[in-house]
Amino acid sequence: MGFGIVAGIMINGSLLRGYRNVGGLLGHTTVDESAGRCRCGNYGCLENVVTFPILEAAYQQGKAQGQEDGSISLVEAYAQGDKDAIDICLNAGKALGIALSNLVNLFNPEAVYIGGAVPEQLPLVLEETKRTIMLRANRFATASLRPETSSFGNQEGLIGALTLAATSFLSNS
């Protein structure tokens, strides 16, 4: 979760790729129709609600409307305990938690790993995401669910792409 949102869904040790190899596009699930049109053509995609550019723009827009200095970033404001930054983080965590609770209900996973620039630099997003998953997903699906932080940090996109390329290369050899 940073500038896009993708879910790597593992089933019995295999990556779920989908029919046209586009499985796991969590960022393009609809969470808020009022969130505007996404570059994919859909309206209200999760990526239009919780990615860094969207969160930063929401923070700066709020500051501009309040006639406050917009030179401080969302991450800086969050670190200073700014109420608007905290509210943005809570809303983002809730939206991501709702989307992930649907996946938990559909797939009943053992664990959900959340990582990327947003939860790494705005930890409240991660905490609210976990809380929302546990609150909204079916209680039988969450009874032993482990919502955890990814150990790859900001590098999960790169690691995922390299793993996918290596797997593709090895399977074609």
Protein backbone atom coordinates (compact mmCIF):
# COMPACT_ATOMS: atom_id res chain seq x y z
CA MET A 1 0.00 0.00 0.00
CA GLY A 2 1.67 3.14 -1.23
CA PHE A 3 1.02 4.46 -4.72
CA GLY A 4 -1.15 1.47 -5.58
CA ILE A 5 -2.73 -1.47 -3.79
CA VAL A 6 -2.35 -5.08 -4.84
CA ALA A 7 -3.18 -8.21 -2.89
CA GLY A 8 -1.00 -11.24 -3.37
CA ILE A 9 -3.45 -14.03 -2.59
CA MET A 10 -1.79 -17.37 -1.88
CA ILE A 11 -3.94 -20.51 -2.01
CA ASN A 12 -2.28 -23.79 -1.04
CA GLY A 13 1.15 -22.30 -1.77
CA SER A 14 0.22 -20.93 -5.21
CA LEU A 15 -0.37 -17.33 -6.20
CA LEU A 16 -3.93 -16.64 -7.35
CA ARG A 17 -3.49 -15.01 -10.73
CA GLY A 18 -7.04 -15.08 -12.07
CA TYR A 19 -8.35 -15.91 -15.51
CA ARG A 20 -6.58 -13.07 -17.34
CA ASN A 21 -3.69 -12.84 -14.87
CA VAL A 22 -5.17 -9.84 -13.06
CA GLY A 23 -6.25 -11.49 -9.80
CA GLY A 24 -5.51 -9.55 -6.64
CA LEU A 25 -6.28 -6.03 -7.86
CA LEU A 26 -7.63 -5.03 -4.47
CA GLY A 27 -7.01 -1.37 -5.22
CA HIS A 28 -9.64 -1.50 -7.94
CA THR A 29 -12.48 -2.74 -5.79
CA THR A 30 -15.21 -0.16 -5.23
CA VAL A 31 -15.30 1.29 -1.72
CA ASP A 32 -16.71 4.78 -2.21
CA GLU A 33 -18.54 5.84 -5.38
CA SER A 34 -18.03 9.49 -4.49
CA ALA A 35 -14.25 9.05 -4.62
CA GLY A 36 -14.17 9.92 -8.31
CA ARG A 37 -13.06 8.14 -11.42
CA CYS A 38 -10.00 5.93 -11.22
CA ARG A 39 -7.43 5.56 -13.99
CA CYS A 40 -8.84 2.05 -14.53
CA GLY A 41 -12.17 3.59 -15.58
CA ASN A 42 -14.14 2.54 -12.49
CA TYR A 43 -15.52 4.99 -9.94
CA GLY A 44 -14.67 4.88 -6.24
CA CYS A 45 -11.74 2.45 -6.30
CA LEU A 46 -9.87 1.80 -3.06
CA GLU A 47 -6.79 3.33 -4.72
CA ASN A 48 -8.73 6.59 -5.00
CA VAL A 49 -9.21 6.58 -1.24
CA VAL A 50 -6.08 5.29 0.49
CA THR A 51 -2.93 5.72 -1.63
CA PHE A 52 -0.26 8.27 -0.76
CA PRO A 53 -1.09 10.82 -3.48
CA ILE A 54 -4.79 10.75 -2.54
CA LEU A 55 -4.14 11.04 1.20
CA GLU A 56 -1.63 13.86 0.70
CA ALA A 57 -4.02 15.71 -1.61
CA ALA A 58 -6.85 15.36 0.91
CA TYR A 59 -4.63 16.74 3.65
CA GLN A 60 -3.42 19.68 1.53
CA GLN A 61 -6.96 20.44 0.34
CA GLY A 62 -8.17 20.52 3.94
CA LYS A 63 -5.37 22.89 4.88
CA ALA A 64 -6.09 25.16 1.91
CA GLN A 65 -9.78 25.36 2.84
CA GLY A 66 -8.80 26.22 6.40
CA GLN A 67 -6.40 28.89 5.07
CA GLU A 68 -3.53 27.24 6.93
CA ASP A 69 0.02 26.84 5.69
CA GLY A 70 0.07 23.95 3.21
CA SER A 71 3.86 23.58 3.22
CA ILE A 72 3.83 20.72 5.71
CA SER A 73 3.27 17.19 4.40
CA LEU A 74 0.76 14.68 5.73
CA VAL A 75 3.57 12.55 7.17
CA GLU A 76 5.07 15.55 8.97
CA ALA A 77 1.67 16.64 10.26
CA TYR A 78 0.91 13.11 11.46
CA ALA A 79 4.23 13.00 13.33
CA GLN A 80 3.23 16.28 15.04
CA GLY A 81 -0.16 14.90 16.07
CA ASP A 82 -2.18 17.10 13.70
CA LYS A 83 -5.89 16.29 14.11
CA ASP A 84 -6.65 16.54 10.38
CA ALA A 85 -3.77 14.17 9.56
CA ILE A 86 -4.99 11.72 12.20
CA ASP A 87 -8.55 11.85 10.83
CA ILE A 88 -7.27 11.16 7.31
CA CYS A 89 -5.30 8.16 8.62
CA LEU A 90 -8.31 6.79 10.49
CA ASN A 91 -10.53 7.10 7.40
CA ALA A 92 -7.92 5.43 5.20
CA GLY A 93 -7.46 2.58 7.68
CA LYS A 94 -11.20 2.08 7.91
CA ALA A 95 -11.59 1.94 4.10
CA LEU A 96 -8.74 -0.54 3.73
CA GLY A 97 -10.05 -2.57 6.67
CA ILE A 98 -13.49 -2.82 5.07
CA ALA A 99 -11.98 -4.01 1.78
CA LEU A 100 -9.78 -6.55 3.56
CA SER A 101 -12.63 -7.78 5.76
CA ASN A 102 -14.44 -8.73 2.56
CA LEU A 103 -11.39 -10.74 1.47
CA VAL A 104 -11.24 -12.37 4.89
CA ASN A 105 -14.89 -13.37 4.56
CA LEU A 106 -14.34 -14.70 1.02
CA PHE A 107 -11.08 -16.60 1.53
CA ASN A 108 -10.84 -17.22 5.29
CA PRO A 109 -7.03 -16.76 5.31
CA GLU A 110 -4.69 -17.76 8.10
CA ALA A 111 -2.95 -14.37 7.96
CA VAL A 112 -3.21 -10.98 6.27
CA TYR A 113 0.07 -9.14 5.76
CA ILE A 114 -0.16 -5.39 5.28
CA GLY A 115 2.79 -3.35 4.15
CA GLY A 116 4.03 -0.49 2.08
CA ALA A 117 4.85 3.16 2.39
CA VAL A 118 1.49 4.27 3.78
CA PRO A 119 1.32 1.95 6.83
CA GLU A 120 5.07 2.27 7.34
CA GLN A 121 5.01 6.08 7.53
CA LEU A 122 1.49 6.43 8.92
CA PRO A 123 1.21 3.59 11.47
CA LEU A 124 -2.27 4.66 12.55
CA VAL A 125 -3.55 3.57 9.11
CA LEU A 126 -2.27 0.07 9.87
CA GLU A 127 -3.77 -0.04 13.34
CA GLU A 128 -7.17 1.18 12.13
CA THR A 129 -7.05 -1.34 9.28
CA LYS A 130 -6.45 -4.20 11.72
CA ARG A 131 -9.16 -2.95 14.06
CA THR A 132 -11.67 -2.64 11.23
CA ILE A 133 -10.91 -6.13 9.91
CA MET A 134 -11.52 -7.62 13.34
CA LEU A 135 -14.68 -5.55 13.80
CA ARG A 136 -16.25 -6.19 10.38
CA ALA A 137 -15.14 -9.62 9.20
CA ASN A 138 -17.06 -12.70 10.26
CA ARG A 139 -16.11 -13.72 13.79
CA PHE A 140 -15.43 -17.30 12.71
CA ALA A 141 -13.05 -16.04 10.00
CA THR A 142 -11.20 -13.81 12.48
CA ALA A 143 -11.07 -16.25 15.39
CA SER A 144 -7.48 -17.22 14.58
CA LEU A 145 -6.69 -14.64 11.87
CA ARG A 146 -3.31 -12.97 12.16
CA PRO A 147 -3.37 -9.44 10.70
CA GLU A 148 0.33 -8.59 10.57
CA THR A 149 2.81 -6.13 9.19
CA SER A 150 4.71 -7.24 6.10
CA SER A 151 8.39 -7.81 6.77
CA PHE A 152 9.29 -6.38 3.33
CA GLY A 153 8.54 -2.77 4.29
CA ASN A 154 8.61 -0.39 1.35
CA GLN A 155 10.15 -3.07 -0.87
CA GLU A 156 7.22 -5.49 -1.19
CA GLY A 157 6.27 -4.28 -4.67
CA LEU A 158 9.80 -4.80 -5.93
CA ILE A 159 10.15 -8.17 -4.21
CA GLY A 160 6.76 -9.30 -5.54
CA ALA A 161 7.67 -8.29 -9.10
CA LEU A 162 11.04 -10.05 -8.90
CA THR A 163 9.43 -13.18 -7.46
CA LEU A 164 6.80 -13.17 -10.19
CA ALA A 165 9.47 -12.74 -12.88
CA ALA A 166 11.63 -15.51 -11.40
CA THR A 167 8.66 -17.86 -11.13
CA SER A 168 7.68 -17.12 -14.72
CA PHE A 169 11.25 -17.63 -15.93
CA LEU A 170 11.69 -20.91 -14.04
CA SER A 171 8.34 -22.29 -15.18
CA ASN A 172 9.20 -21.53 -18.83
CA SER A 173 12.64 -23.18 -18.62
